[in-house]
Amino acid sequence: MRLGHARARHAGFTLVELLVVIAIIGILIALLLPAVQSAREAARRSQCLNNLKQVGVAMHGYADSHRSFPPGNITDGSCCSALSHITWPISILPYVEQTNLGSQYNYNLPNEDPSNAFLRTQLVPIYVCPSDLTARQLLVPASGPHKNQKWMTSSYRGMGGVGWRLPNDGYAYRRQWDSSDILNSRALPTLKGVLHWIGTVNKKPNQYRPEKFSDIRDGLSNTLLVGEYTTTTTPRRTTFWAYAYTSFALSNATPEGRTLLPDFTQCARLGDSNPCKRAWGSFHSGGVLQFLKCDGSVAGITPAINTRIYTALSTIAGSEAVPEL
């Protein structure tokens, strides 16, 4: 009997053995967790890429039907009281299997009008990158004639070019990296992106129109069309797919690396906040930004990209030589 009792006492783990097992399990979890998180992020990034490719198919479908790409956005004016009328994501709704939602849009009234309240508050899954933590929310944009209205957030902005508005309206972001800082109508082909703003300046129509395939003289594979923007701070500065006021559905390229960070506050802390409103950013590993190009392919750009290459890729007819991404 004593022998039996002795065997019974040694059948379980000792405290030391239990602690060793727990330590081993903890080490295994610590080793496996980053791999699991990495796999999940890879899946999210892949879904984000697929979303952009579907947007590319939709853009080409729109262009085939209308003989041009959609306008980036359309507004009644160029500043603080300008009402919005359309955005590129609204234009392509029928081409992303959202015909029913698109049919509820009243083209004759501003997006801010009560008749368009349902549309501007709807989540469109293809416009959301799974890695974007600020998307899928109803928020009040940080500026504009929205009158405290809530709009649905999203993840993708159109590329408006280096100067996405008329250069003389005071809202094109300008930087003296080309020495003159004079942006006039003769220079527009070197500044315009595909999805630029269309509207009025001082109640007069501007000379912009939607761009055709033939207008993209730099080549479809050398021109950026749509990219990612989100921010870890100041969520009211994130992307709103149906809000055409200034830069909430559009961004542009500047020769400043800080505008490729997913952090509005940090970007603004490093200098003028205006380019930060027209920035790009993602939560992908390494800060990689995924951009849809005009040929329908998707390329990854890091915040460390040469800024001259980056700005060259943003325009439709700058005639710059750029490496393949």
Protein backbone atom coordinates (compact mmCIF):
# COMPACT_ATOMS: atom_id res chain seq x y z
CA MET A 1 0.00 0.00 0.00
CA ARG A 2 2.79 2.41 0.79
CA LEU A 3 4.34 1.68 -2.60
CA GLY A 4 0.99 2.44 -4.26
CA HIS A 5 0.71 5.73 -2.38
CA ALA A 6 4.24 6.68 -3.49
CA ARG A 7 3.40 6.00 -7.13
CA ALA A 8 0.21 8.07 -6.83
CA ARG A 9 2.11 11.04 -5.44
CA HIS A 10 4.51 11.05 -8.45
CA ALA A 11 1.84 10.60 -11.16
CA GLY A 12 1.20 14.37 -11.74
CA PHE A 13 3.38 17.37 -12.65
CA THR A 14 5.48 19.02 -10.02
CA LEU A 15 5.21 22.80 -9.70
CA VAL A 16 8.55 23.24 -11.47
CA GLU A 17 7.49 21.00 -14.36
CA LEU A 18 4.20 22.88 -14.68
CA LEU A 19 6.00 26.21 -14.81
CA VAL A 20 8.34 24.85 -17.49
CA VAL A 21 5.37 23.69 -19.60
CA ILE A 22 3.67 27.08 -19.21
CA ALA A 23 6.89 28.83 -20.21
CA ILE A 24 7.23 26.64 -23.31
CA ILE A 25 3.62 27.33 -24.29
CA GLY A 26 4.22 31.07 -23.82
CA ILE A 27 7.31 30.93 -26.03
CA LEU A 28 5.41 29.05 -28.74
CA ILE A 29 2.58 31.59 -28.64
CA ALA A 30 5.09 34.45 -28.83
CA LEU A 31 6.69 32.80 -31.86
CA LEU A 32 3.44 31.93 -33.61
CA LEU A 33 1.43 35.10 -32.95
CA PRO A 34 3.46 37.37 -35.28
CA ALA A 35 3.20 34.73 -37.99
CA VAL A 36 -0.58 34.56 -37.53
CA GLN A 37 -0.85 38.35 -37.56
CA SER A 38 1.35 38.51 -40.64
CA ALA A 39 -0.81 35.94 -42.41
CA ARG A 40 -3.94 37.89 -41.53
CA GLU A 41 -2.46 41.15 -42.79
CA ALA A 42 -1.35 39.41 -46.00
CA ALA A 43 -4.94 38.27 -46.50
CA ARG A 44 -6.26 41.78 -45.81
CA ARG A 45 -3.75 43.32 -48.20
CA SER A 46 -4.69 40.77 -50.87
CA GLN A 47 -8.37 41.65 -50.47
CA CYS A 48 -7.48 45.34 -50.68
CA LEU A 49 -5.59 44.67 -53.91
CA ASN A 50 -8.54 42.75 -55.32
CA ASN A 51 -10.84 45.66 -54.45
CA LEU A 52 -8.62 48.02 -56.40
CA LYS A 53 -8.57 45.67 -59.38
CA GLN A 54 -12.37 45.57 -59.36
CA VAL A 55 -12.40 49.36 -59.23
CA GLY A 56 -10.10 49.27 -62.25
CA VAL A 57 -12.52 47.04 -64.15
CA ALA A 58 -15.33 49.42 -63.21
CA MET A 59 -13.33 52.44 -64.40
CA HIS A 60 -12.71 50.81 -67.76
CA GLY A 61 -16.38 49.86 -68.00
CA TYR A 62 -17.35 53.46 -67.32
CA ALA A 63 -14.80 54.72 -69.87
CA ASP A 64 -16.10 52.34 -72.53
CA SER A 65 -19.65 53.61 -71.98
CA HIS A 66 -18.89 57.32 -71.61
CA ARG A 67 -15.73 57.59 -73.76
CA SER A 68 -13.81 59.04 -70.82
CA PHE A 69 -12.94 58.36 -67.22
CA PRO A 70 -15.32 59.89 -64.66
CA PRO A 71 -14.53 63.32 -63.24
CA GLY A 72 -12.75 63.21 -59.90
CA ASN A 73 -15.52 65.28 -58.41
CA ILE A 74 -17.82 68.14 -59.39
CA THR A 75 -18.64 71.11 -57.18
CA ASP A 76 -20.45 74.44 -57.56
CA GLY A 77 -17.41 76.44 -56.55
CA SER A 78 -13.88 76.23 -55.32
CA CYS A 79 -14.03 77.03 -51.64
CA CYS A 80 -15.78 76.82 -48.36
CA SER A 81 -19.43 77.07 -49.42
CA ALA A 82 -19.08 74.91 -52.52
CA LEU A 83 -21.78 72.27 -52.72
CA SER A 84 -20.80 68.91 -54.16
CA HIS A 85 -22.55 67.13 -56.99
CA ILE A 86 -20.68 63.96 -57.83
CA THR A 87 -17.57 61.95 -57.01
CA TRP A 88 -15.81 59.28 -59.04
CA PRO A 89 -17.04 56.51 -56.66
CA ILE A 90 -20.63 57.66 -57.24
CA SER A 91 -20.08 57.62 -61.00
CA ILE A 92 -18.95 53.99 -61.11
CA LEU A 93 -21.59 52.55 -58.75
CA PRO A 94 -23.38 50.71 -61.61
CA TYR A 95 -20.05 49.09 -62.54
CA VAL A 96 -19.33 47.73 -59.05
CA GLU A 97 -22.64 45.89 -58.76
CA GLN A 98 -24.31 48.80 -56.94
CA THR A 99 -26.86 49.73 -59.59
CA ASN A 100 -29.72 49.91 -57.08
CA LEU A 101 -27.79 52.28 -54.83
CA GLY A 102 -26.70 54.37 -57.79
CA SER A 103 -30.28 54.65 -59.04
CA GLN A 104 -31.21 56.43 -55.80
CA TYR A 105 -28.75 59.26 -56.45
CA ASN A 106 -30.34 62.55 -57.47
CA TYR A 107 -27.93 64.11 -59.97
CA ASN A 108 -29.90 67.35 -60.03
CA LEU A 109 -29.37 68.16 -56.36
CA PRO A 110 -26.20 68.50 -54.25
CA ASN A 111 -24.89 65.50 -52.36
CA GLU A 112 -25.66 67.44 -49.17
CA ASP A 113 -29.38 67.57 -50.05
CA PRO A 114 -31.76 65.42 -47.95
CA SER A 115 -32.74 63.50 -51.08
CA ASN A 116 -29.20 62.07 -51.19
CA ALA A 117 -28.96 61.28 -47.47
CA PHE A 118 -29.46 57.55 -47.96
CA LEU A 119 -26.72 57.25 -50.57
CA ARG A 120 -24.08 59.22 -48.69
CA THR A 121 -24.49 57.11 -45.55
CA GLN A 122 -24.21 53.69 -47.19
CA LEU A 123 -21.27 51.31 -46.85
CA VAL A 124 -20.00 50.07 -50.22
CA PRO A 125 -17.80 47.03 -49.42
CA ILE A 126 -15.57 47.34 -52.48
CA TYR A 127 -14.58 50.87 -51.36
CA VAL A 128 -13.23 49.56 -48.04
CA CYS A 129 -9.78 48.08 -47.50
CA PRO A 130 -9.94 45.45 -44.70
CA SER A 131 -6.76 46.93 -43.15
CA ASP A 132 -8.38 50.35 -42.82
CA LEU A 133 -9.50 50.79 -39.22
CA THR A 134 -11.27 54.10 -39.84
CA ALA A 135 -13.50 52.88 -42.67
CA ARG A 136 -17.07 51.62 -42.15
CA GLN A 137 -17.87 54.59 -39.87
CA LEU A 138 -20.40 57.38 -40.18
CA LEU A 139 -18.51 60.59 -39.37
CA VAL A 140 -18.86 64.33 -39.86
CA PRO A 141 -16.10 65.55 -42.25
CA ALA A 142 -13.67 68.08 -40.81
CA SER A 143 -14.61 70.88 -43.22
CA GLY A 144 -17.05 71.95 -45.87
CA PRO A 145 -20.74 72.88 -46.22
CA HIS A 146 -21.90 69.60 -44.72
CA LYS A 147 -23.86 71.25 -41.87
CA ASN A 148 -22.85 68.57 -39.39
CA GLN A 149 -24.09 65.78 -41.64
CA LYS A 150 -22.61 62.32 -41.25
CA TRP A 151 -21.08 60.60 -44.27
CA MET A 152 -19.82 57.06 -44.73
CA THR A 153 -16.05 56.67 -44.66
CA SER A 154 -14.05 54.62 -47.16
CA SER A 155 -10.45 53.79 -48.12
CA TYR A 156 -9.70 54.89 -51.69
CA ARG A 157 -9.08 58.30 -53.23
CA GLY A 158 -8.70 59.36 -56.84
CA MET A 159 -5.40 60.75 -58.08
CA GLY A 160 -5.91 64.38 -59.03
CA GLY A 161 -2.32 65.04 -60.13
CA VAL A 162 0.25 67.44 -58.74
CA GLY A 163 -2.29 70.28 -58.71
CA TRP A 164 -5.76 68.82 -58.59
CA ARG A 165 -7.64 72.12 -58.91
CA LEU A 166 -7.28 75.07 -61.21
CA PRO A 167 -3.86 76.52 -60.45
CA ASN A 168 -5.18 80.08 -60.06
CA ASP A 169 -8.05 79.34 -57.68
CA GLY A 170 -5.82 79.39 -54.62
CA TYR A 171 -6.37 75.77 -53.67
CA ALA A 172 -3.90 73.93 -55.86
CA TYR A 173 -1.08 72.86 -53.58
CA ARG A 174 2.11 74.42 -54.92
CA ARG A 175 5.72 73.85 -54.02
CA GLN A 176 8.83 75.48 -55.47
CA TRP A 177 10.50 72.24 -56.43
CA ASP A 178 10.31 73.22 -60.12
CA SER A 179 11.86 76.64 -59.37
CA SER A 180 9.11 78.86 -60.79
CA ASP A 181 6.05 77.91 -58.74
CA ILE A 182 3.97 79.40 -61.54
CA LEU A 183 1.23 76.98 -62.49
CA ASN A 184 -0.79 78.26 -65.42
CA SER A 185 -3.03 76.82 -68.11
CA ARG A 186 -0.09 76.12 -70.41
CA ALA A 187 1.41 73.86 -67.74
CA LEU A 188 -1.78 71.97 -66.98
CA PRO A 189 -0.92 68.83 -68.97
CA THR A 190 2.13 68.38 -66.78
CA LEU A 191 0.08 68.81 -63.60
CA LYS A 192 -3.24 67.07 -64.16
CA GLY A 193 -4.03 63.63 -62.89
CA VAL A 194 -6.79 61.49 -64.35
CA LEU A 195 -9.38 62.11 -61.62
CA HIS A 196 -9.12 65.85 -61.14
CA TRP A 197 -11.77 68.27 -59.94
CA ILE A 198 -14.30 69.80 -62.32
CA GLY A 199 -16.45 72.76 -61.41
CA THR A 200 -16.57 76.52 -61.37
CA VAL A 201 -14.11 79.16 -60.20
CA ASN A 202 -15.59 82.54 -59.31
CA LYS A 203 -18.86 81.30 -60.86
CA LYS A 204 -17.16 80.67 -64.22
CA PRO A 205 -16.70 77.16 -65.68
CA ASN A 206 -13.12 75.99 -65.64
CA GLN A 207 -11.41 74.47 -68.66
CA TYR A 208 -11.20 70.98 -67.18
CA ARG A 209 -13.17 68.06 -68.57
CA PRO A 210 -13.08 64.31 -67.90
CA GLU A 211 -9.99 62.65 -69.32
CA LYS A 212 -10.00 60.14 -72.19
CA PHE A 213 -7.62 57.23 -72.69
CA SER A 214 -5.96 59.24 -75.46
CA ASP A 215 -5.26 62.09 -73.02
CA ILE A 216 -3.01 59.87 -70.91
CA ARG A 217 0.07 60.37 -73.05
CA ASP A 218 2.46 59.15 -70.37
CA GLY A 219 1.01 55.66 -70.81
CA LEU A 220 -1.67 53.79 -68.90
CA SER A 221 0.89 51.65 -67.05
CA ASN A 222 2.83 54.77 -66.00
CA THR A 223 -0.08 56.73 -64.55
CA LEU A 224 -1.70 56.33 -61.12
CA LEU A 225 -5.50 56.33 -60.95
CA VAL A 226 -6.70 55.43 -57.43
CA GLY A 227 -4.84 54.89 -54.16
CA GLU A 228 -5.31 54.34 -50.44
CA TYR A 229 -5.76 56.91 -47.71
CA THR A 230 -6.50 56.44 -44.04
CA THR A 231 -5.23 58.05 -40.85
CA THR A 232 -4.63 56.89 -37.29
CA THR A 233 -5.41 60.39 -36.01
CA THR A 234 -8.00 63.04 -36.85
CA PRO A 235 -10.50 60.54 -38.28
CA ARG A 236 -12.66 63.36 -39.64
CA ARG A 237 -9.87 63.92 -42.20
CA THR A 238 -10.16 60.40 -43.58
CA THR A 239 -11.76 59.39 -46.90
CA PHE A 240 -15.48 59.88 -47.61
CA TRP A 241 -16.53 58.25 -50.87
CA ALA A 242 -19.60 60.41 -51.63
CA TYR A 243 -18.27 63.78 -50.37
CA ALA A 244 -17.00 65.92 -53.25
CA TYR A 245 -15.85 68.88 -51.17
CA THR A 246 -12.12 69.53 -51.78
CA SER A 247 -9.99 66.51 -50.92
CA PHE A 248 -12.14 63.93 -49.16
CA ALA A 249 -12.50 61.68 -52.23
CA LEU A 250 -9.38 62.96 -54.04
CA SER A 251 -5.73 63.41 -53.19
CA ASN A 252 -2.74 64.66 -55.12
CA ALA A 253 0.99 64.08 -55.22
CA THR A 254 3.47 66.43 -53.60
CA PRO A 255 7.26 66.13 -53.38
CA GLU A 256 7.04 65.59 -49.63
CA GLY A 257 7.40 62.14 -48.10
CA ARG A 258 5.35 63.14 -45.04
CA THR A 259 2.23 63.06 -47.22
CA LEU A 260 2.59 59.28 -47.58
CA LEU A 261 2.02 58.61 -43.88
CA PRO A 262 -1.27 57.29 -42.44
CA ASP A 263 -1.22 59.92 -39.69
CA PHE A 264 -2.73 63.34 -40.37
CA THR A 265 -1.55 64.87 -37.09
CA GLN A 266 2.06 63.79 -37.58
CA CYS A 267 2.04 65.03 -41.17
CA ALA A 268 0.68 68.43 -40.10
CA ARG A 269 3.20 68.65 -37.25
CA LEU A 270 6.04 68.43 -39.78
CA GLY A 271 4.87 71.42 -41.81
CA ASP A 272 1.91 73.07 -43.51
CA SER A 273 -1.27 71.04 -43.00
CA ASN A 274 -2.72 71.69 -46.47
CA PRO A 275 -0.82 68.91 -48.28
CA CYS A 276 -1.78 66.55 -45.44
CA LYS A 277 -5.42 66.98 -46.41
CA ARG A 278 -4.52 65.67 -49.86
CA ALA A 279 -2.30 62.82 -48.71
CA TRP A 280 -2.06 59.04 -49.02
CA GLY A 281 -1.56 56.39 -46.35
CA SER A 282 -2.23 52.78 -45.40
CA PHE A 283 -1.95 50.43 -42.44
CA HIS A 284 -0.22 47.73 -44.47
CA SER A 285 3.08 46.33 -43.22
CA GLY A 286 5.93 48.73 -43.94
CA GLY A 287 3.47 51.48 -44.85
CA VAL A 288 3.14 50.10 -48.38
CA LEU A 289 0.52 51.97 -50.38
CA GLN A 290 -1.37 50.14 -53.09
CA PHE A 291 -2.22 52.16 -56.18
CA LEU A 292 -4.43 51.24 -59.09
CA LYS A 293 -2.87 52.28 -62.40
CA CYS A 294 -4.78 53.27 -65.50
CA ASP A 295 -4.10 49.94 -67.20
CA GLY A 296 -5.94 48.13 -64.39
CA SER A 297 -2.85 46.77 -62.64
CA VAL A 298 -2.01 47.47 -59.00
CA ALA A 299 1.43 48.55 -57.76
CA GLY A 300 2.86 48.96 -54.28
CA ILE A 301 4.61 52.21 -53.35
CA THR A 302 6.54 52.76 -50.15
CA PRO A 303 6.89 56.11 -48.33
CA ALA A 304 10.58 55.99 -49.30
CA ILE A 305 9.84 56.30 -53.03
CA ASN A 306 11.78 58.94 -54.94
CA THR A 307 9.42 61.92 -54.86
CA ARG A 308 10.16 62.98 -58.44
CA ILE A 309 9.19 59.52 -59.68
CA TYR A 310 6.10 59.59 -57.50
CA THR A 311 4.93 62.99 -58.76
CA ALA A 312 5.70 61.96 -62.34
CA LEU A 313 3.45 58.92 -61.94
CA SER A 314 0.59 61.15 -60.77
CA THR A 315 0.20 63.13 -63.99
CA ILE A 316 -1.15 62.18 -67.41
CA ALA A 317 1.12 64.04 -69.80
CA GLY A 318 4.33 65.14 -68.12
CA SER A 319 6.54 63.14 -70.53
CA GLU A 320 8.78 62.03 -67.66
CA ALA A 321 10.81 58.84 -67.83
CA VAL A 322 9.83 56.59 -64.92
CA PRO A 323 10.94 53.07 -63.97
CA GLU A 324 8.46 50.23 -63.98
CA LEU A 325 6.83 49.65 -60.60
